[in-house]
PDB file of N, CA and C in Angstrom:
ATOM      1  N   MET A   1     -24.385 -28.145   9.830  1.00  0.00           N
ATOM      2  CA  MET A   1     -23.833 -27.569   8.619  1.00  0.00           C
ATOM      3  C   MET A   1     -23.379 -26.135   8.860  1.00  0.00           C
ATOM      4  N   LYS A   2     -24.144 -25.391   9.659  1.00  0.00           N
ATOM      5  CA  LYS A   2     -23.806 -24.001   9.916  1.00  0.00           C
ATOM      6  C   LYS A   2     -22.479 -23.892  10.677  1.00  0.00           C
ATOM      7  N   ALA A   3     -22.270 -24.747  11.672  1.00  0.00           N
ATOM      8  CA  ALA A   3     -21.021 -24.731  12.444  1.00  0.00           C
ATOM      9  C   ALA A   3     -19.835 -25.066  11.547  1.00  0.00           C
ATOM     10  N   ARG A   4     -20.040 -25.994  10.623  1.00  0.00           N
ATOM     11  CA  ARG A   4     -18.967 -26.370   9.691  1.00  0.00           C
ATOM     12  C   ARG A   4     -18.565 -25.177   8.833  1.00  0.00           C
ATOM     13  N   ASN A   5     -19.532 -24.411   8.347  1.00  0.00           N
ATOM     14  CA  ASN A   5     -19.240 -23.237   7.526  1.00  0.00           C
ATOM     15  C   ASN A   5     -18.486 -22.178   8.322  1.00  0.00           C
ATOM     16  N   ILE A   6     -18.848 -22.006   9.573  1.00  0.00           N
ATOM     17  CA  ILE A   6     -18.157 -21.038  10.424  1.00  0.00           C
ATOM     18  C   ILE A   6     -16.709 -21.458  10.640  1.00  0.00           C
ATOM     19  N   ILE A   7     -16.487 -22.728  10.894  1.00  0.00           N
ATOM     20  CA  ILE A   7     -15.120 -23.230  11.090  1.00  0.00           C
ATOM     21  C   ILE A   7     -14.299 -23.052   9.823  1.00  0.00           C
ATOM     22  N   ILE A   8     -14.890 -23.337   8.670  1.00  0.00           N
ATOM     23  CA  ILE A   8     -14.181 -23.154   7.395  1.00  0.00           C
ATOM     24  C   ILE A   8     -13.837 -21.689   7.187  1.00  0.00           C
ATOM     25  N   LEU A   9     -14.765 -20.791   7.478  1.00  0.00           N
ATOM     26  CA  LEU A   9     -14.505 -19.358   7.335  1.00  0.00           C
ATOM     27  C   LEU A   9     -13.365 -18.914   8.246  1.00  0.00           C
ATOM     28  N   ILE A  10     -13.372 -19.359   9.481  1.00  0.00           N
ATOM     29  CA  ILE A  10     -12.303 -19.015  10.424  1.00  0.00           C
ATOM     30  C   ILE A  10     -10.961 -19.522   9.919  1.00  0.00           C
ATOM     31  N   LEU A  11     -10.917 -20.744   9.424  1.00  0.00           N
ATOM     32  CA  LEU A  11      -9.668 -21.302   8.898  1.00  0.00           C
ATOM     33  C   LEU A  11      -9.170 -20.528   7.680  1.00  0.00           C
ATOM     34  N   VAL A  12     -10.071 -20.138   6.797  1.00  0.00           N
ATOM     35  CA  VAL A  12      -9.685 -19.357   5.614  1.00  0.00           C
ATOM     36  C   VAL A  12      -9.101 -18.015   6.039  1.00  0.00           C
ATOM     37  N   ILE A  13      -9.725 -17.356   7.001  1.00  0.00           N
ATOM     38  CA  ILE A  13      -9.222 -16.066   7.481  1.00  0.00           C
ATOM     39  C   ILE A  13      -7.852 -16.231   8.126  1.00  0.00           C
ATOM     40  N   LEU A  14      -7.678 -17.250   8.961  1.00  0.00           N
ATOM     41  CA  LEU A  14      -6.384 -17.481   9.611  1.00  0.00           C
ATOM     42  C   LEU A  14      -5.285 -17.781   8.598  1.00  0.00           C
ATOM     43  N   ILE A  15      -5.583 -18.597   7.614  1.00  0.00           N
ATOM     44  CA  ILE A  15      -4.585 -18.930   6.593  1.00  0.00           C
ATOM     45  C   ILE A  15      -4.232 -17.694   5.769  1.00  0.00           C
ATOM     46  N   ALA A  16      -5.229 -16.897   5.389  1.00  0.00           N
ATOM     47  CA  ALA A  16      -4.971 -15.673   4.627  1.00  0.00           C
ATOM     48  C   ALA A  16      -4.126 -14.696   5.436  1.00  0.00           C
ATOM     49  N   GLU A  17      -4.422 -14.559   6.719  1.00  0.00           N
ATOM     50  CA  GLU A  17      -3.663 -13.644   7.583  1.00  0.00           C
ATOM     51  C   GLU A  17      -2.212 -14.090   7.710  1.00  0.00           C
ATOM     52  N   GLN A  18      -1.982 -15.369   7.899  1.00  0.00           N
ATOM     53  CA  GLN A  18      -0.616 -15.879   8.019  1.00  0.00           C
ATOM     54  C   GLN A  18       0.134 -15.760   6.696  1.00  0.00           C
ATOM     55  N   ALA A  19      -0.546 -16.007   5.585  1.00  0.00           N
ATOM     56  CA  ALA A  19       0.085 -15.874   4.269  1.00  0.00           C
ATOM     57  C   ALA A  19       0.476 -14.424   4.009  1.00  0.00           C
ATOM     58  N   LEU A  20      -0.390 -13.474   4.377  1.00  0.00           N
ATOM     59  CA  LEU A  20      -0.078 -12.057   4.200  1.00  0.00           C
ATOM     60  C   LEU A  20       1.112 -11.653   5.063  1.00  0.00           C
ATOM     61  N   LYS A  21       1.165 -12.106   6.303  1.00  0.00           N
ATOM     62  CA  LYS A  21       2.315 -11.822   7.174  1.00  0.00           C
ATOM     63  C   LYS A  21       3.602 -12.355   6.567  1.00  0.00           C
ATOM     64  N   PHE A  22       3.565 -13.576   6.060  1.00  0.00           N
ATOM     65  CA  PHE A  22       4.741 -14.204   5.461  1.00  0.00           C
ATOM     66  C   PHE A  22       5.193 -13.425   4.224  1.00  0.00           C
ATOM     67  N   TYR A  23       4.256 -13.044   3.368  1.00  0.00           N
ATOM     68  CA  TYR A  23       4.574 -12.281   2.161  1.00  0.00           C
ATOM     69  C   TYR A  23       5.208 -10.938   2.513  1.00  0.00           C
ATOM     70  N   ILE A  24       4.626 -10.233   3.472  1.00  0.00           N
ATOM     71  CA  ILE A  24       5.138  -8.917   3.855  1.00  0.00           C
ATOM     72  C   ILE A  24       6.520  -9.047   4.468  1.00  0.00           C
ATOM     73  N   LYS A  25       6.734 -10.024   5.314  1.00  0.00           N
ATOM     74  CA  LYS A  25       8.045 -10.220   5.947  1.00  0.00           C
ATOM     75  C   LYS A  25       9.126 -10.466   4.898  1.00  0.00           C
ATOM     76  N   LEU A  26       8.800 -11.167   3.830  1.00  0.00           N
ATOM     77  CA  LEU A  26       9.784 -11.469   2.792  1.00  0.00           C
ATOM     78  C   LEU A  26       9.997 -10.328   1.801  1.00  0.00           C
ATOM     79  N   ASN A  27       9.003  -9.475   1.587  1.00  0.00           N
ATOM     80  CA  ASN A  27       9.058  -8.513   0.490  1.00  0.00           C
ATOM     81  C   ASN A  27       9.064  -7.040   0.892  1.00  0.00           C
ATOM     82  N   TYR A  28       8.866  -6.714   2.152  1.00  0.00           N
ATOM     83  CA  TYR A  28       8.826  -5.316   2.588  1.00  0.00           C
ATOM     84  C   TYR A  28      10.050  -5.002   3.441  1.00  0.00           C
ATOM     85  N   TYR A  29      10.453  -3.742   3.411  1.00  0.00           N
ATOM     86  CA  TYR A  29      11.496  -3.256   4.308  1.00  0.00           C
ATOM     87  C   TYR A  29      10.829  -2.705   5.563  1.00  0.00           C
ATOM     88  N   THR A  30      11.539  -2.702   6.683  1.00  0.00           N
ATOM     89  CA  THR A  30      10.990  -2.151   7.919  1.00  0.00           C
ATOM     90  C   THR A  30      10.616  -0.687   7.696  1.00  0.00           C
ATOM     91  N   GLY A  31       9.406  -0.329   8.046  1.00  0.00           N
ATOM     92  CA  GLY A  31       8.913   1.029   7.885  1.00  0.00           C
ATOM     93  C   GLY A  31       8.217   1.278   6.555  1.00  0.00           C
ATOM     94  N   GLU A  32       8.278   0.342   5.645  1.00  0.00           N
ATOM     95  CA  GLU A  32       7.640   0.513   4.337  1.00  0.00           C
ATOM     96  C   GLU A  32       6.122   0.467   4.490  1.00  0.00           C
ATOM     97  N   GLU A  33       5.446   1.298   3.715  1.00  0.00           N
ATOM     98  CA  GLU A  33       3.992   1.396   3.811  1.00  0.00           C
ATOM     99  C   GLU A  33       3.383   1.450   2.420  1.00  0.00           C
ATOM    100  N   HIS A  34       2.260   0.777   2.252  1.00  0.00           N
ATOM    101  CA  HIS A  34       1.516   0.816   0.999  1.00  0.00           C
ATOM    102  C   HIS A  34       0.057   1.112   1.308  1.00  0.00           C
ATOM    103  N   LYS A  35      -0.489   2.089   0.598  1.00  0.00           N
ATOM    104  CA  LYS A  35      -1.904   2.412   0.756  1.00  0.00           C
ATOM    105  C   LYS A  35      -2.701   1.499  -0.167  1.00  0.00           C
ATOM    106  N   ILE A  36      -3.643   0.789   0.397  1.00  0.00           N
ATOM    107  CA  ILE A  36      -4.465  -0.140  -0.369  1.00  0.00           C
ATOM    108  C   ILE A  36      -5.787   0.523  -0.755  1.00  0.00           C
ATOM    109  N   ILE A  37      -6.461   1.107   0.220  1.00  0.00           N
ATOM    110  CA  ILE A  37      -7.720   1.823  -0.025  1.00  0.00           C
ATOM    111  C   ILE A  37      -7.575   3.214   0.585  1.00  0.00           C
ATOM    112  N   GLY A  38      -6.944   4.118  -0.150  1.00  0.00           N
ATOM    113  CA  GLY A  38      -6.727   5.479   0.338  1.00  0.00           C
ATOM    114  C   GLY A  38      -6.028   5.486   1.683  1.00  0.00           C
ATOM    115  N   ASN A  39      -6.478   6.351   2.581  1.00  0.00           N
ATOM    116  CA  ASN A  39      -5.921   6.389   3.935  1.00  0.00           C
ATOM    117  C   ASN A  39      -6.672   5.458   4.882  1.00  0.00           C
ATOM    118  N   TRP A  40      -7.697   4.797   4.388  1.00  0.00           N
ATOM    119  CA  TRP A  40      -8.512   3.937   5.238  1.00  0.00           C
ATOM    120  C   TRP A  40      -7.843   2.598   5.521  1.00  0.00           C
ATOM    121  N   PHE A  41      -7.185   1.999   4.525  1.00  0.00           N
ATOM    122  CA  PHE A  41      -6.541   0.694   4.698  1.00  0.00           C
ATOM    123  C   PHE A  41      -5.128   0.769   4.154  1.00  0.00           C
ATOM    124  N   ARG A  42      -4.155   0.670   5.070  1.00  0.00           N
ATOM    125  CA  ARG A  42      -2.745   0.718   4.700  1.00  0.00           C
ATOM    126  C   ARG A  42      -2.034  -0.477   5.301  1.00  0.00           C
ATOM    127  N   ILE A  43      -1.007  -0.944   4.601  1.00  0.00           N
ATOM    128  CA  ILE A  43      -0.137  -1.979   5.147  1.00  0.00           C
ATOM    129  C   ILE A  43       1.175  -1.297   5.491  1.00  0.00           C
ATOM    130  N   HIS A  44       1.529  -1.340   6.767  1.00  0.00           N
ATOM    131  CA  HIS A  44       2.743  -0.698   7.274  1.00  0.00           C
ATOM    132  C   HIS A  44       3.546  -1.768   8.003  1.00  0.00           C
ATOM    133  N   PHE A  45       4.777  -2.021   7.531  1.00  0.00           N
ATOM    134  CA  PHE A  45       5.574  -3.110   8.093  1.00  0.00           C
ATOM    135  C   PHE A  45       6.413  -2.611   9.259  1.00  0.00           C
ATOM    136  N   VAL A  46       6.180  -3.181  10.432  1.00  0.00           N
ATOM    137  CA  VAL A  46       6.991  -2.919  11.621  1.00  0.00           C
ATOM    138  C   VAL A  46       7.339  -4.254  12.256  1.00  0.00           C
ATOM    139  N   GLU A  47       8.447  -4.290  12.960  1.00  0.00           N
ATOM    140  CA  GLU A  47       8.862  -5.497  13.683  1.00  0.00           C
ATOM    141  C   GLU A  47       8.658  -5.249  15.167  1.00  0.00           C
ATOM    142  N   ASN A  48       8.132  -6.224  15.867  1.00  0.00           N
ATOM    143  CA  ASN A  48       7.912  -6.131  17.300  1.00  0.00           C
ATOM    144  C   ASN A  48       9.085  -6.803  18.007  1.00  0.00           C
ATOM    145  N   GLU A  49       9.859  -6.021  18.730  1.00  0.00           N
ATOM    146  CA  GLU A  49      10.971  -6.594  19.484  1.00  0.00           C
ATOM    147  C   GLU A  49      10.430  -7.288  20.725  1.00  0.00           C
ATOM    148  N   GLY A  50      10.929  -8.441  21.008  1.00  0.00           N
ATOM    149  CA  GLY A  50      10.511  -9.144  22.219  1.00  0.00           C
ATOM    150  C   GLY A  50       9.268  -9.971  22.005  1.00  0.00           C
ATOM    151  N   MET A  51       8.488 -10.083  23.064  1.00  0.00           N
ATOM    152  CA  MET A  51       7.298 -10.935  23.056  1.00  0.00           C
ATOM    153  C   MET A  51       6.082 -10.123  22.624  1.00  0.00           C
ATOM    154  N   ALA A  52       4.920 -10.641  22.893  1.00  0.00           N
ATOM    155  CA  ALA A  52       3.673  -9.975  22.537  1.00  0.00           C
ATOM    156  C   ALA A  52       3.579  -8.604  23.200  1.00  0.00           C
ATOM    157  N   TRP A  53       2.992  -7.671  22.514  1.00  0.00           N
ATOM    158  CA  TRP A  53       2.768  -6.301  22.977  1.00  0.00           C
ATOM    159  C   TRP A  53       4.062  -5.563  23.302  1.00  0.00           C
ATOM    160  N   GLY A  54       5.177  -5.984  22.734  1.00  0.00           N
ATOM    161  CA  GLY A  54       6.439  -5.293  22.932  1.00  0.00           C
ATOM    162  C   GLY A  54       7.146  -5.601  24.237  1.00  0.00           C
ATOM    163  N   TRP A  55       6.637  -6.559  25.011  1.00  0.00           N
ATOM    164  CA  TRP A  55       7.312  -6.935  26.256  1.00  0.00           C
ATOM    165  C   TRP A  55       8.643  -7.568  25.924  1.00  0.00           C
ATOM    166  N   LYS A  56       9.626  -7.313  26.771  1.00  0.00           N
ATOM    167  CA  LYS A  56      10.968  -7.873  26.520  1.00  0.00           C
ATOM    168  C   LYS A  56      11.330  -8.906  27.544  1.00  0.00           C
TER     169      LYS A  56
END
């Protein structure tokens, strides 16, 4: 039962992360930033050119 709960938690986090990425891509301009919790948590939209870690 414990392993099942961990898997469900991981899936919920992954789905939430992908949904947030999709929402931001559709609704934010490049460079746009919103402070959620003061300066501690901000959403800043940037596009990564190329592959992972900026490799081209």
